[in-house]
């Protein structure tokens, strides 16, 4: 077992996960209830997997009632504590607070970027519309939206709002946080729908279904290049593939497009 897998096993066992050899070459599986974590080391990317292999595995396990979270080695090397905190939140191992005890305010661009960097493993994105849940002046959850898109339909004009990112503190779970922020955005913008993309590396979309979203389509895997020496990750359109360098091609699971229909008054 390499250092990555040893580190992953040590840390996840502390959250109550048990480990087992997975059915995927060069990987290790960890289980806690209906949650499965697959640790994907660099060597797994040298295997001859089809580009949609990880997505196929995810969908197969979902059919069996198991939600799979993929932890890629480059993410683990750079964001270990953040990923562990996110898993702890998923397992209900952090304090919770109901959204009704929070107030909603606009979030400044600087605060948004700082908060997402602290509490979300993805690249921090500058977004034009940002609302947050605060308690005693402390930001605990935030939702960022793209500018609304409007187009004409034969019967009337149509307005769609895209939720680009929802970020919740890794130190406290906000019950009903996303729903409260979405309701606020609906009242403010009066859209016909709110659309979002769910990261299939982490989610199965069920939480979004519980607050009114419906699955529309699955977006195929996206390719990245990862530097095994520096753990840097770049989108495939930013560089050319070079098999003689430490950069290797990585395919994620893709995403799930979901839409929540709104009813403007």
Protein backbone atom coordinates (compact mmCIF):
# COMPACT_ATOMS: atom_id res chain seq x y z
CA UNK A 1 0.00 0.00 0.00
CA UNK A 2 1.45 3.37 -0.98
CA UNK A 3 1.65 6.50 1.18
CA UNK A 4 -1.52 7.97 -0.30
CA UNK A 5 -3.60 4.89 0.48
CA UNK A 6 -2.06 4.55 3.95
CA UNK A 7 -2.84 8.18 4.75
CA UNK A 8 -6.37 7.82 3.43
CA UNK A 9 -6.99 4.65 5.43
CA UNK A 10 -5.66 6.18 8.63
CA UNK A 11 -7.74 9.36 8.36
CA UNK A 12 -10.98 7.73 7.18
CA UNK A 13 -10.87 5.07 9.90
CA UNK A 14 -11.06 7.97 12.36
CA UNK A 15 -14.42 8.92 10.80
CA UNK A 16 -15.78 5.38 11.15
CA UNK A 17 -14.99 4.05 7.68
CA UNK A 18 -13.88 0.45 7.18
CA UNK A 19 -11.57 -0.38 4.29
CA UNK A 20 -11.62 -3.15 1.72
CA UNK A 21 -10.00 -3.96 -1.59
CA UNK A 22 -12.22 -2.47 -4.28
CA UNK A 23 -13.08 -4.08 -7.56
CA UNK A 24 -11.19 -1.32 -9.35
CA UNK A 25 -7.53 -1.88 -10.13
CA UNK A 26 -5.04 0.09 -7.96
CA UNK A 27 -7.75 1.59 -5.74
CA UNK A 28 -8.99 1.03 -2.20
CA UNK A 29 -12.63 1.31 -1.06
CA UNK A 30 -13.89 2.67 2.26
CA UNK A 31 -17.41 2.17 3.58
CA UNK A 32 -19.60 3.79 6.21
CA UNK A 33 -23.29 2.95 5.94
CA UNK A 34 -24.48 3.72 2.42
CA UNK A 35 -21.49 5.96 1.68
CA UNK A 36 -18.50 4.57 -0.19
CA UNK A 37 -15.24 6.44 -0.72
CA UNK A 38 -12.89 5.35 -3.50
CA UNK A 39 -9.31 6.55 -3.18
CA UNK A 40 -7.86 6.96 -6.67
CA UNK A 41 -4.03 7.10 -6.75
CA UNK A 42 -2.00 8.38 -9.66
CA UNK A 43 -1.19 4.86 -10.83
CA UNK A 44 -4.90 4.20 -11.48
CA UNK A 45 -4.79 6.79 -14.27
CA UNK A 46 -2.25 4.67 -16.14
CA UNK A 47 -4.79 1.85 -16.47
CA UNK A 48 -6.69 1.43 -19.72
CA UNK A 49 -10.08 2.51 -18.40
CA UNK A 50 -12.76 3.83 -20.77
CA UNK A 51 -13.29 7.59 -20.42
CA UNK A 52 -16.69 7.06 -18.79
CA UNK A 53 -15.48 4.31 -16.45
CA UNK A 54 -15.81 6.29 -13.20
CA UNK A 55 -19.26 7.55 -14.18
CA UNK A 56 -20.36 4.02 -15.00
CA UNK A 57 -19.13 2.74 -11.65
CA UNK A 58 -20.92 5.57 -9.84
CA UNK A 59 -24.24 4.85 -11.58
CA UNK A 60 -23.90 1.12 -10.96
CA UNK A 61 -23.36 1.64 -7.22
CA UNK A 62 -26.23 4.16 -7.04
CA UNK A 63 -28.48 1.45 -8.47
CA UNK A 64 -27.49 -0.65 -5.43
CA UNK A 65 -28.29 2.19 -3.02
CA UNK A 66 -24.68 3.22 -2.46
CA UNK A 67 -23.43 6.77 -3.04
CA UNK A 68 -19.79 6.88 -4.10
CA UNK A 69 -17.40 9.73 -3.41
CA UNK A 70 -14.16 9.74 -5.39
CA UNK A 71 -11.05 11.17 -3.74
CA UNK A 72 -8.34 11.79 -6.31
CA UNK A 73 -4.76 11.77 -5.08
CA UNK A 74 -3.97 15.31 -6.25
CA UNK A 75 -6.96 16.67 -4.30
CA UNK A 76 -5.96 14.69 -1.20
CA UNK A 77 -2.38 15.94 -1.30
CA UNK A 78 -3.53 19.58 -1.49
CA UNK A 79 -6.83 19.64 0.43
CA UNK A 80 -6.75 16.77 2.91
CA UNK A 81 -8.25 18.61 5.88
CA UNK A 82 -10.99 20.20 3.78
CA UNK A 83 -11.99 16.84 2.28
CA UNK A 84 -12.07 15.18 5.71
CA UNK A 85 -14.23 17.99 7.06
CA UNK A 86 -16.62 17.60 4.14
CA UNK A 87 -16.92 13.86 4.76
CA UNK A 88 -17.49 14.47 8.47
CA UNK A 89 -20.32 16.85 7.57
CA UNK A 90 -21.80 14.24 5.21
CA UNK A 91 -21.81 11.71 8.06
CA UNK A 92 -23.45 14.12 10.50
CA UNK A 93 -20.39 14.36 12.71
CA UNK A 94 -20.47 18.15 13.04
CA UNK A 95 -22.90 20.43 14.95
CA UNK A 96 -26.07 21.50 13.16
CA UNK A 97 -28.08 24.71 13.14
CA UNK A 98 -31.46 25.39 11.52
CA UNK A 99 -31.54 28.03 8.81
CA UNK A 100 -34.38 29.86 10.59
CA UNK A 101 -31.79 31.02 13.14
CA UNK A 102 -29.79 32.74 10.38
CA UNK A 103 -30.35 35.99 8.51
CA UNK A 104 -29.75 36.51 4.78
CA UNK A 105 -27.48 39.22 3.43
CA UNK A 106 -25.55 39.95 0.25
CA UNK A 107 -22.01 38.57 0.34
CA UNK A 108 -19.15 40.76 -0.86
CA UNK A 109 -16.91 39.42 -3.60
CA UNK A 110 -13.92 39.27 -1.25
CA UNK A 111 -15.83 37.42 1.46
CA UNK A 112 -17.28 35.00 -1.07
CA UNK A 113 -13.86 34.07 -2.48
CA UNK A 114 -12.37 33.69 1.00
CA UNK A 115 -15.28 31.55 2.24
CA UNK A 116 -15.35 29.23 -0.78
CA UNK A 117 -11.58 28.72 -0.61
CA UNK A 118 -11.91 27.68 3.04
CA UNK A 119 -14.93 25.42 2.71
CA UNK A 120 -15.17 24.09 -0.87
CA UNK A 121 -12.67 21.83 -2.68
CA UNK A 122 -13.40 23.30 -6.11
CA UNK A 123 -11.68 26.26 -7.71
CA UNK A 124 -12.98 29.53 -6.25
CA UNK A 125 -15.22 31.26 -8.78
CA UNK A 126 -16.07 34.97 -8.97
CA UNK A 127 -19.85 35.16 -9.32
CA UNK A 128 -22.04 38.27 -9.78
CA UNK A 129 -24.90 37.25 -7.45
CA UNK A 130 -24.05 36.07 -3.93
CA UNK A 131 -26.28 35.56 -0.88
CA UNK A 132 -25.24 34.27 2.50
CA UNK A 133 -26.67 32.97 5.77
CA UNK A 134 -25.22 34.74 8.79
CA UNK A 135 -25.48 34.29 12.53
CA UNK A 136 -24.05 36.99 14.78
CA UNK A 137 -22.23 38.45 11.77
CA UNK A 138 -20.51 35.17 10.86
CA UNK A 139 -21.04 33.71 7.38
CA UNK A 140 -22.13 30.06 7.67
CA UNK A 141 -23.41 29.23 4.17
CA UNK A 142 -23.55 30.97 0.81
CA UNK A 143 -25.01 30.52 -2.65
CA UNK A 144 -23.54 32.02 -5.81
CA UNK A 145 -25.50 32.55 -9.03
CA UNK A 146 -24.71 33.52 -12.61
CA UNK A 147 -26.55 36.44 -14.15
CA UNK A 148 -30.13 35.45 -15.12
CA UNK A 149 -30.68 34.38 -18.71
CA UNK A 150 -33.78 35.65 -20.49
CA UNK A 151 -35.25 34.65 -23.82
CA UNK A 152 -38.54 35.03 -25.61
CA UNK A 153 -41.03 32.20 -25.95
CA UNK A 154 -44.16 32.35 -28.11
CA UNK A 155 -46.40 32.78 -25.09
CA UNK A 156 -44.16 35.04 -22.93
CA UNK A 157 -40.65 35.94 -21.87
CA UNK A 158 -38.77 33.29 -19.90
CA UNK A 159 -36.15 33.84 -17.17
CA UNK A 160 -33.73 31.22 -15.87
CA UNK A 161 -31.37 31.58 -12.92
CA UNK A 162 -28.32 29.31 -12.56
CA UNK A 163 -27.09 28.25 -9.13
CA UNK A 164 -23.37 27.83 -9.75
CA UNK A 165 -22.21 26.96 -6.25
CA UNK A 166 -23.56 26.36 -2.76
CA UNK A 167 -20.99 26.39 0.02
CA UNK A 168 -21.66 25.48 3.64
CA UNK A 169 -19.26 25.81 6.54
CA UNK A 170 -17.38 22.62 7.34
CA UNK A 171 -17.72 23.43 11.04
CA UNK A 172 -21.53 23.53 11.27
CA UNK A 173 -24.29 22.02 9.14
CA UNK A 174 -27.13 24.42 8.26
CA UNK A 175 -30.40 22.48 8.09
CA UNK A 176 -32.50 23.96 5.29
CA UNK A 177 -29.73 26.38 4.33
CA UNK A 178 -29.80 25.91 0.57
CA UNK A 179 -33.60 25.89 0.46
CA UNK A 180 -33.78 29.20 2.33
CA UNK A 181 -31.25 30.84 0.00
CA UNK A 182 -33.06 29.55 -3.09
CA UNK A 183 -36.41 30.83 -1.82
CA UNK A 184 -34.80 34.23 -1.25
CA UNK A 185 -33.33 34.28 -4.77
CA UNK A 186 -36.69 33.29 -6.25
CA UNK A 187 -38.49 36.17 -4.54
CA UNK A 188 -35.80 38.64 -5.62
CA UNK A 189 -35.45 37.63 -9.28
CA UNK A 190 -38.80 35.93 -10.03
CA UNK A 191 -37.29 33.34 -12.41
CA UNK A 192 -39.26 30.64 -14.19
CA UNK A 193 -36.69 28.09 -13.13
CA UNK A 194 -33.41 27.64 -11.27
CA UNK A 195 -30.89 25.38 -12.95
CA UNK A 196 -27.75 23.82 -11.50
CA UNK A 197 -25.10 21.19 -12.18
CA UNK A 198 -24.31 18.59 -9.51
CA UNK A 199 -20.74 17.29 -9.21
CA UNK A 200 -21.03 13.50 -9.55
CA UNK A 201 -17.61 13.01 -7.97
CA UNK A 202 -19.33 13.81 -4.67
CA UNK A 203 -23.09 13.92 -4.95
CA UNK A 204 -25.97 11.81 -6.23
CA UNK A 205 -28.43 14.71 -6.47
CA UNK A 206 -30.91 13.28 -3.93
CA UNK A 207 -30.57 16.24 -1.59
CA UNK A 208 -31.51 18.55 -4.45
CA UNK A 209 -34.50 16.39 -5.37
CA UNK A 210 -35.79 16.85 -1.81
CA UNK A 211 -36.02 20.62 -2.36
CA UNK A 212 -37.79 20.50 -5.71
CA UNK A 213 -35.11 19.87 -8.34
CA UNK A 214 -35.58 17.30 -11.09
CA UNK A 215 -32.89 15.47 -13.02
CA UNK A 216 -32.70 16.61 -16.63
CA UNK A 217 -29.56 15.04 -18.08
CA UNK A 218 -26.08 13.75 -17.31
CA UNK A 219 -23.07 15.66 -18.60
CA UNK A 220 -20.22 13.38 -19.58
CA UNK A 221 -16.85 13.21 -17.83
CA UNK A 222 -14.50 16.17 -18.09
CA UNK A 223 -10.77 15.66 -18.70
CA UNK A 224 -8.01 17.28 -16.69
CA UNK A 225 -4.25 17.01 -16.57
CA UNK A 226 -2.61 16.38 -13.21
CA UNK A 227 1.06 16.84 -12.39
CA UNK A 228 2.06 13.89 -10.18
CA UNK A 229 5.08 15.78 -8.84
CA UNK A 230 3.41 19.07 -7.86
CA UNK A 231 -0.24 17.83 -7.61
CA UNK A 232 -1.30 20.72 -9.85
CA UNK A 233 -4.50 20.21 -11.87
CA UNK A 234 -5.31 21.95 -15.16
CA UNK A 235 -8.33 21.77 -17.43
CA UNK A 236 -7.50 19.88 -20.62
CA UNK A 237 -8.02 22.98 -22.78
CA UNK A 238 -5.09 24.67 -21.03
CA UNK A 239 -2.40 22.27 -22.18
CA UNK A 240 -1.56 19.59 -24.69
CA UNK A 241 -1.12 15.98 -23.65
CA UNK A 242 2.54 14.98 -23.23
CA UNK A 243 3.26 11.40 -22.18
CA UNK A 244 6.92 12.22 -21.49
CA UNK A 245 6.10 14.68 -18.69
CA UNK A 246 4.78 14.17 -15.13
CA UNK A 247 1.38 15.34 -16.40
CA UNK A 248 -1.25 12.61 -16.72
CA UNK A 249 -4.79 12.71 -18.04
CA UNK A 250 -7.61 12.34 -15.52
CA UNK A 251 -11.32 11.89 -16.25
CA UNK A 252 -13.85 12.82 -13.60
CA UNK A 253 -17.44 11.51 -13.28
CA UNK A 254 -19.10 14.44 -14.99
CA UNK A 255 -22.14 16.22 -13.63
CA UNK A 256 -25.90 16.02 -13.33
CA UNK A 257 -28.06 18.82 -14.75
CA UNK A 258 -31.05 19.59 -12.51
CA UNK A 259 -33.84 22.15 -12.72
CA UNK A 260 -36.27 23.50 -10.13
CA UNK A 261 -39.43 24.99 -11.62
CA UNK A 262 -40.51 28.26 -10.02
CA UNK A 263 -43.89 29.93 -10.00
CA UNK A 264 -43.56 33.72 -10.20
CA UNK A 265 -46.63 35.58 -9.01
